[in-house]
PDB file of N, CA and C in Angstrom:
ATOM      1  N   MET A   1     -25.148   8.596  30.941  1.00  0.00           N
ATOM      2  CA  MET A   1     -26.265   9.082  30.185  1.00  0.00           C
ATOM      3  C   MET A   1     -26.868   7.899  29.435  1.00  0.00           C
ATOM      4  N   LYS A   2     -28.158   7.778  29.452  1.00  0.00           N
ATOM      5  CA  LYS A   2     -28.873   6.742  28.706  1.00  0.00           C
ATOM      6  C   LYS A   2     -29.611   7.415  27.558  1.00  0.00           C
ATOM      7  N   THR A   3     -29.564   6.775  26.400  1.00  0.00           N
ATOM      8  CA  THR A   3     -30.241   7.307  25.225  1.00  0.00           C
ATOM      9  C   THR A   3     -30.700   6.138  24.365  1.00  0.00           C
ATOM     10  N   ASN A   4     -31.507   6.431  23.365  1.00  0.00           N
ATOM     11  CA  ASN A   4     -31.891   5.405  22.401  1.00  0.00           C
ATOM     12  C   ASN A   4     -31.352   5.800  21.028  1.00  0.00           C
ATOM     13  N   VAL A   5     -31.558   4.946  20.039  1.00  0.00           N
ATOM     14  CA  VAL A   5     -30.980   5.181  18.717  1.00  0.00           C
ATOM     15  C   VAL A   5     -31.563   6.435  18.082  1.00  0.00           C
ATOM     16  N   SER A   6     -32.856   6.661  18.221  1.00  0.00           N
ATOM     17  CA  SER A   6     -33.475   7.847  17.625  1.00  0.00           C
ATOM     18  C   SER A   6     -32.887   9.126  18.205  1.00  0.00           C
ATOM     19  N   THR A   7     -32.747   9.180  19.521  1.00  0.00           N
ATOM     20  CA  THR A   7     -32.170  10.355  20.167  1.00  0.00           C
ATOM     21  C   THR A   7     -30.700  10.499  19.801  1.00  0.00           C
ATOM     22  N   LEU A   8     -29.999   9.384  19.679  1.00  0.00           N
ATOM     23  CA  LEU A   8     -28.596   9.426  19.278  1.00  0.00           C
ATOM     24  C   LEU A   8     -28.454  10.080  17.911  1.00  0.00           C
ATOM     25  N   LEU A   9     -29.313   9.722  16.979  1.00  0.00           N
ATOM     26  CA  LEU A   9     -29.244  10.296  15.635  1.00  0.00           C
ATOM     27  C   LEU A   9     -29.664  11.763  15.616  1.00  0.00           C
ATOM     28  N   ARG A  10     -30.671  12.112  16.386  1.00  0.00           N
ATOM     29  CA  ARG A  10     -31.155  13.499  16.412  1.00  0.00           C
ATOM     30  C   ARG A  10     -30.203  14.429  17.147  1.00  0.00           C
ATOM     31  N   GLU A  11     -29.650  13.967  18.244  1.00  0.00           N
ATOM     32  CA  GLU A  11     -28.840  14.828  19.110  1.00  0.00           C
ATOM     33  C   GLU A  11     -27.407  14.306  19.224  1.00  0.00           C
ATOM     34  N   PHE A  12     -26.822  13.873  18.105  1.00  0.00           N
ATOM     35  CA  PHE A  12     -25.490  13.293  18.140  1.00  0.00           C
ATOM     36  C   PHE A  12     -24.424  14.232  18.710  1.00  0.00           C
ATOM     37  N   PRO A  13     -24.406  15.538  18.382  1.00  0.00           N
ATOM     38  CA  PRO A  13     -23.368  16.405  18.971  1.00  0.00           C
ATOM     39  C   PRO A  13     -23.385  16.413  20.502  1.00  0.00           C
ATOM     40  N   ARG A  14     -24.561  16.413  21.096  1.00  0.00           N
ATOM     41  CA  ARG A  14     -24.662  16.410  22.560  1.00  0.00           C
ATOM     42  C   ARG A  14     -24.177  15.081  23.142  1.00  0.00           C
ATOM     43  N   VAL A  15     -24.552  13.972  22.513  1.00  0.00           N
ATOM     44  CA  VAL A  15     -24.133  12.655  22.984  1.00  0.00           C
ATOM     45  C   VAL A  15     -22.621  12.498  22.798  1.00  0.00           C
ATOM     46  N   ARG A  16     -22.107  12.961  21.680  1.00  0.00           N
ATOM     47  CA  ARG A  16     -20.668  12.879  21.430  1.00  0.00           C
ATOM     48  C   ARG A  16     -19.880  13.673  22.461  1.00  0.00           C
ATOM     49  N   GLN A  17     -20.341  14.862  22.797  1.00  0.00           N
ATOM     50  CA  GLN A  17     -19.665  15.680  23.806  1.00  0.00           C
ATOM     51  C   GLN A  17     -19.663  14.984  25.162  1.00  0.00           C
ATOM     52  N   ALA A  18     -20.750  14.316  25.489  1.00  0.00           N
ATOM     53  CA  ALA A  18     -20.814  13.584  26.752  1.00  0.00           C
ATOM     54  C   ALA A  18     -19.781  12.457  26.763  1.00  0.00           C
ATOM     55  N   ALA A  19     -19.674  11.731  25.656  1.00  0.00           N
ATOM     56  CA  ALA A  19     -18.693  10.643  25.576  1.00  0.00           C
ATOM     57  C   ALA A  19     -17.273  11.186  25.637  1.00  0.00           C
ATOM     58  N   LEU A  20     -17.001  12.295  24.949  1.00  0.00           N
ATOM     59  CA  LEU A  20     -15.664  12.895  24.963  1.00  0.00           C
ATOM     60  C   LEU A  20     -15.299  13.434  26.344  1.00  0.00           C
ATOM     61  N   ALA A  21     -16.298  13.821  27.118  1.00  0.00           N
ATOM     62  CA  ALA A  21     -16.059  14.321  28.471  1.00  0.00           C
ATOM     63  C   ALA A  21     -15.818  13.187  29.472  1.00  0.00           C
ATOM     64  N   GLY A  22     -15.919  11.936  29.002  1.00  0.00           N
ATOM     65  CA  GLY A  22     -15.669  10.803  29.881  1.00  0.00           C
ATOM     66  C   GLY A  22     -16.916  10.215  30.509  1.00  0.00           C
ATOM     67  N   GLU A  23     -18.053  10.762  30.171  1.00  0.00           N
ATOM     68  CA  GLU A  23     -19.311  10.243  30.718  1.00  0.00           C
ATOM     69  C   GLU A  23     -19.657   8.921  30.030  1.00  0.00           C
ATOM     70  N   GLU A  24     -20.214   7.993  30.784  1.00  0.00           N
ATOM     71  CA  GLU A  24     -20.619   6.711  30.216  1.00  0.00           C
ATOM     72  C   GLU A  24     -21.941   6.902  29.474  1.00  0.00           C
ATOM     73  N   VAL A  25     -21.944   6.559  28.193  1.00  0.00           N
ATOM     74  CA  VAL A  25     -23.143   6.696  27.364  1.00  0.00           C
ATOM     75  C   VAL A  25     -23.649   5.300  27.026  1.00  0.00           C
ATOM     76  N   ILE A  26     -24.875   5.004  27.414  1.00  0.00           N
ATOM     77  CA  ILE A  26     -25.513   3.715  27.135  1.00  0.00           C
ATOM     78  C   ILE A  26     -26.610   3.961  26.106  1.00  0.00           C
ATOM     79  N   ILE A  27     -26.534   3.223  24.992  1.00  0.00           N
ATOM     80  CA  ILE A  27     -27.542   3.321  23.936  1.00  0.00           C
ATOM     81  C   ILE A  27     -28.425   2.083  24.050  1.00  0.00           C
ATOM     82  N   VAL A  28     -29.698   2.302  24.344  1.00  0.00           N
ATOM     83  CA  VAL A  28     -30.650   1.211  24.539  1.00  0.00           C
ATOM     84  C   VAL A  28     -31.247   0.850  23.185  1.00  0.00           C
ATOM     85  N   THR A  29     -31.093  -0.428  22.776  1.00  0.00           N
ATOM     86  CA  THR A  29     -31.666  -0.920  21.520  1.00  0.00           C
ATOM     87  C   THR A  29     -32.522  -2.148  21.819  1.00  0.00           C
ATOM     88  N   ARG A  30     -33.254  -2.609  20.813  1.00  0.00           N
ATOM     89  CA  ARG A  30     -34.080  -3.812  20.982  1.00  0.00           C
ATOM     90  C   ARG A  30     -33.215  -5.049  21.183  1.00  0.00           C
ATOM     91  N   GLU A  31     -32.081  -5.090  20.504  1.00  0.00           N
ATOM     92  CA  GLU A  31     -31.205  -6.261  20.566  1.00  0.00           C
ATOM     93  C   GLU A  31     -30.368  -6.297  21.830  1.00  0.00           C
ATOM     94  N   GLY A  32     -30.164  -5.157  22.457  1.00  0.00           N
ATOM     95  CA  GLY A  32     -29.344  -5.085  23.661  1.00  0.00           C
ATOM     96  C   GLY A  32     -28.755  -3.693  23.813  1.00  0.00           C
ATOM     97  N   ASP A  33     -28.167  -3.448  24.942  1.00  0.00           N
ATOM     98  CA  ASP A  33     -27.593  -2.132  25.218  1.00  0.00           C
ATOM     99  C   ASP A  33     -26.175  -2.047  24.662  1.00  0.00           C
ATOM    100  N   LEU A  34     -25.835  -0.861  24.174  1.00  0.00           N
ATOM    101  CA  LEU A  34     -24.507  -0.594  23.639  1.00  0.00           C
ATOM    102  C   LEU A  34     -23.854   0.492  24.475  1.00  0.00           C
ATOM    103  N   ARG A  35     -22.553   0.409  24.629  1.00  0.00           N
ATOM    104  CA  ARG A  35     -21.818   1.417  25.382  1.00  0.00           C
ATOM    105  C   ARG A  35     -20.955   2.216  24.411  1.00  0.00           C
ATOM    106  N   LEU A  36     -21.066   3.525  24.462  1.00  0.00           N
ATOM    107  CA  LEU A  36     -20.289   4.419  23.606  1.00  0.00           C
ATOM    108  C   LEU A  36     -19.172   5.026  24.451  1.00  0.00           C
ATOM    109  N   THR A  37     -17.929   4.835  24.014  1.00  0.00           N
ATOM    110  CA  THR A  37     -16.786   5.404  24.720  1.00  0.00           C
ATOM    111  C   THR A  37     -15.910   6.160  23.729  1.00  0.00           C
ATOM    112  N   ALA A  38     -15.080   7.028  24.237  1.00  0.00           N
ATOM    113  CA  ALA A  38     -14.163   7.803  23.414  1.00  0.00           C
ATOM    114  C   ALA A  38     -12.748   7.291  23.605  1.00  0.00           C
ATOM    115  N   VAL A  39     -11.975   7.283  22.526  1.00  0.00           N
ATOM    116  CA  VAL A  39     -10.569   6.892  22.565  1.00  0.00           C
ATOM    117  C   VAL A  39      -9.751   8.165  22.569  1.00  0.00           C
ATOM    118  N   ALA A  40      -8.744   8.213  23.439  1.00  0.00           N
ATOM    119  CA  ALA A  40      -7.910   9.415  23.545  1.00  0.00           C
ATOM    120  C   ALA A  40      -7.177   9.686  22.240  1.00  0.00           C
ATOM    121  N   CYS A  41      -7.056  10.936  21.908  1.00  0.00           N
ATOM    122  CA  CYS A  41      -6.381  11.368  20.688  1.00  0.00           C
ATOM    123  C   CYS A  41      -4.874  11.183  20.830  1.00  0.00           C
ATOM    124  N   SER A  42      -4.251  10.650  19.772  1.00  0.00           N
ATOM    125  CA  SER A  42      -2.814  10.381  19.831  1.00  0.00           C
ATOM    126  C   SER A  42      -1.971  11.570  19.401  1.00  0.00           C
ATOM    127  N   GLY A  43      -2.545  12.586  18.805  1.00  0.00           N
ATOM    128  CA  GLY A  43      -1.791  13.748  18.353  1.00  0.00           C
ATOM    129  C   GLY A  43      -1.532  13.736  16.866  1.00  0.00           C
ATOM    130  N   GLY A  44      -1.694  12.607  16.216  1.00  0.00           N
ATOM    131  CA  GLY A  44      -1.470  12.534  14.777  1.00  0.00           C
ATOM    132  C   GLY A  44      -2.470  13.357  14.001  1.00  0.00           C
ATOM    133  N   SER A  45      -3.674  13.473  14.496  1.00  0.00           N
ATOM    134  CA  SER A  45      -4.680  14.234  13.775  1.00  0.00           C
ATOM    135  C   SER A  45      -4.400  15.733  13.822  1.00  0.00           C
ATOM    136  N   ILE A  46      -3.639  16.174  14.789  1.00  0.00           N
ATOM    137  CA  ILE A  46      -3.288  17.590  14.876  1.00  0.00           C
ATOM    138  C   ILE A  46      -2.376  17.972  13.720  1.00  0.00           C
ATOM    139  N   LEU A  47      -1.520  17.040  13.323  1.00  0.00           N
ATOM    140  CA  LEU A  47      -0.570  17.310  12.251  1.00  0.00           C
ATOM    141  C   LEU A  47      -1.214  17.213  10.877  1.00  0.00           C
ATOM    142  N   GLY A  48      -2.290  16.496  10.758  1.00  0.00           N
ATOM    143  CA  GLY A  48      -3.008  16.394   9.496  1.00  0.00           C
ATOM    144  C   GLY A  48      -2.177  15.751   8.402  1.00  0.00           C
ATOM    145  N   SER A  49      -2.197  16.352   7.219  1.00  0.00           N
ATOM    146  CA  SER A  49      -1.499  15.775   6.082  1.00  0.00           C
ATOM    147  C   SER A  49       0.016  15.906   6.196  1.00  0.00           C
ATOM    148  N   ARG A  50       0.505  16.711   7.127  1.00  0.00           N
ATOM    149  CA  ARG A  50       1.952  16.884   7.299  1.00  0.00           C
ATOM    150  C   ARG A  50       2.536  15.855   8.259  1.00  0.00           C
ATOM    151  N   LYS A  51       1.732  14.914   8.711  1.00  0.00           N
ATOM    152  CA  LYS A  51       2.142  13.945   9.720  1.00  0.00           C
ATOM    153  C   LYS A  51       3.401  13.182   9.316  1.00  0.00           C
ATOM    154  N   ASP A  52       3.502  12.766   8.048  1.00  0.00           N
ATOM    155  CA  ASP A  52       4.649  11.979   7.621  1.00  0.00           C
ATOM    156  C   ASP A  52       5.875  12.828   7.303  1.00  0.00           C
ATOM    157  N   ARG A  53       5.756  14.129   7.270  1.00  0.00           N
ATOM    158  CA  ARG A  53       6.878  15.005   6.930  1.00  0.00           C
ATOM    159  C   ARG A  53       7.551  15.643   8.143  1.00  0.00           C
ATOM    160  N   ILE A  54       6.962  15.508   9.315  1.00  0.00           N
ATOM    161  CA  ILE A  54       7.510  16.127  10.521  1.00  0.00           C
ATOM    162  C   ILE A  54       8.202  15.063  11.354  1.00  0.00           C
ATOM    163  N   ARG A  55       9.425  15.361  11.752  1.00  0.00           N
ATOM    164  CA  ARG A  55      10.173  14.426  12.589  1.00  0.00           C
ATOM    165  C   ARG A  55      10.256  14.999  13.998  1.00  0.00           C
ATOM    166  N   PHE A  56      10.068  14.141  14.969  1.00  0.00           N
ATOM    167  CA  PHE A  56      10.226  14.529  16.359  1.00  0.00           C
ATOM    168  C   PHE A  56      11.617  14.115  16.803  1.00  0.00           C
ATOM    169  N   THR A  57      12.379  15.066  17.316  1.00  0.00           N
ATOM    170  CA  THR A  57      13.733  14.768  17.765  1.00  0.00           C
ATOM    171  C   THR A  57      13.880  15.197  19.217  1.00  0.00           C
ATOM    172  N   ASP A  58      14.950  14.751  19.810  1.00  0.00           N
ATOM    173  CA  ASP A  58      15.242  15.115  21.191  1.00  0.00           C
ATOM    174  C   ASP A  58      16.147  16.344  21.182  1.00  0.00           C
ATOM    175  N   ASP A  59      15.578  17.487  20.873  1.00  0.00           N
ATOM    176  CA  ASP A  59      16.363  18.723  20.822  1.00  0.00           C
ATOM    177  C   ASP A  59      16.663  19.194  22.236  1.00  0.00           C
ATOM    178  N   ARG A  60      17.887  19.546  22.436  1.00  0.00           N
ATOM    179  CA  ARG A  60      18.290  20.097  23.734  1.00  0.00           C
ATOM    180  C   ARG A  60      18.416  21.609  23.555  1.00  0.00           C
ATOM    181  N   LEU A  61      17.478  22.321  24.092  1.00  0.00           N
ATOM    182  CA  LEU A  61      17.440  23.763  23.892  1.00  0.00           C
ATOM    183  C   LEU A  61      18.450  24.511  24.755  1.00  0.00           C
ATOM    184  N   ASP A  62      19.075  23.829  25.696  1.00  0.00           N
ATOM    185  CA  ASP A  62      20.047  24.496  26.552  1.00  0.00           C
ATOM    186  C   ASP A  62      21.479  24.323  26.038  1.00  0.00           C
ATOM    187  N   GLU A  63      21.637  23.729  24.873  1.00  0.00           N
ATOM    188  CA  GLU A  63      22.958  23.547  24.275  1.00  0.00           C
ATOM    189  C   GLU A  63      23.021  24.313  22.961  1.00  0.00           C
ATOM    190  N   PRO A  64      24.220  24.642  22.477  1.00  0.00           N
ATOM    191  CA  PRO A  64      24.340  25.326  21.188  1.00  0.00           C
ATOM    192  C   PRO A  64      23.792  24.465  20.053  1.00  0.00           C
ATOM    193  N   THR A  65      23.239  25.122  19.045  1.00  0.00           N
ATOM    194  CA  THR A  65      22.678  24.396  17.907  1.00  0.00           C
ATOM    195  C   THR A  65      23.666  24.272  16.757  1.00  0.00           C
ATOM    196  N   LEU A  66      24.712  25.076  16.744  1.00  0.00           N
ATOM    197  CA  LEU A  66      25.734  25.015  15.705  1.00  0.00           C
ATOM    198  C   LEU A  66      27.018  24.419  16.260  1.00  0.00           C
ATOM    199  N   LEU A  67      27.802  23.823  15.383  1.00  0.00           N
ATOM    200  CA  LEU A  67      29.131  23.357  15.782  1.00  0.00           C
ATOM    201  C   LEU A  67      30.023  24.553  16.000  1.00  0.00           C
ATOM    202  N   GLU A  68      31.090  24.383  16.745  1.00  0.00           N
ATOM    203  CA  GLU A  68      31.976  25.508  17.066  1.00  0.00           C
ATOM    204  C   GLU A  68      32.591  26.130  15.810  1.00  0.00           C
ATOM    205  N   ASN A  69      32.964  25.308  14.837  1.00  0.00           N
ATOM    206  CA  ASN A  69      33.590  25.857  13.631  1.00  0.00           C
ATOM    207  C   ASN A  69      32.579  26.542  12.711  1.00  0.00           C
ATOM    208  N   GLU A  70      31.275  26.296  12.876  1.00  0.00           N
ATOM    209  CA  GLU A  70      30.260  26.955  12.063  1.00  0.00           C
ATOM    210  C   GLU A  70      29.816  28.293  12.681  1.00  0.00           C
ATOM    211  N   TRP A  71      30.174  28.511  13.910  1.00  0.00           N
ATOM    212  CA  TRP A  71      29.701  29.718  14.592  1.00  0.00           C
ATOM    213  C   TRP A  71      30.717  30.820  14.425  1.00  0.00           C
ATOM    214  N   SER A  72      30.288  31.954  13.893  1.00  0.00           N
ATOM    215  CA  SER A  72      31.178  33.108  13.766  1.00  0.00           C
ATOM    216  C   SER A  72      30.381  34.371  14.107  1.00  0.00           C
ATOM    217  N   PRO A  73      30.689  34.989  15.230  1.00  0.00           N
ATOM    218  CA  PRO A  73      29.956  36.188  15.629  1.00  0.00           C
ATOM    219  C   PRO A  73      30.303  37.357  14.705  1.00  0.00           C
ATOM    220  N   SER A  74      29.325  38.155  14.423  1.00  0.00           N
ATOM    221  CA  SER A  74      29.564  39.343  13.600  1.00  0.00           C
ATOM    222  C   SER A  74      28.528  40.401  13.957  1.00  0.00           C
ATOM    223  N   LEU A  75      28.882  41.613  13.626  1.00  0.00           N
ATOM    224  CA  LEU A  75      27.969  42.735  13.862  1.00  0.00           C
ATOM    225  C   LEU A  75      27.478  43.324  12.584  1.00  0.00           C
TER     226      LEU A  75
END
């Protein structure tokens, strides 16, 4: 997609969606052409302010989560 600075400012949501979709966006200026690209999201923004409080571990869901001496069945 080719656009100029005025159109970029007026229709930024449409241009941004094109860049996020992987389309090459060229912005034509007097000084030269600029290329707008999107960087893939790393997942940190999904966590927001809780990013530093959440730990990712290698949990094995097919194994027991308690030690044998901590497990006591009851009804």
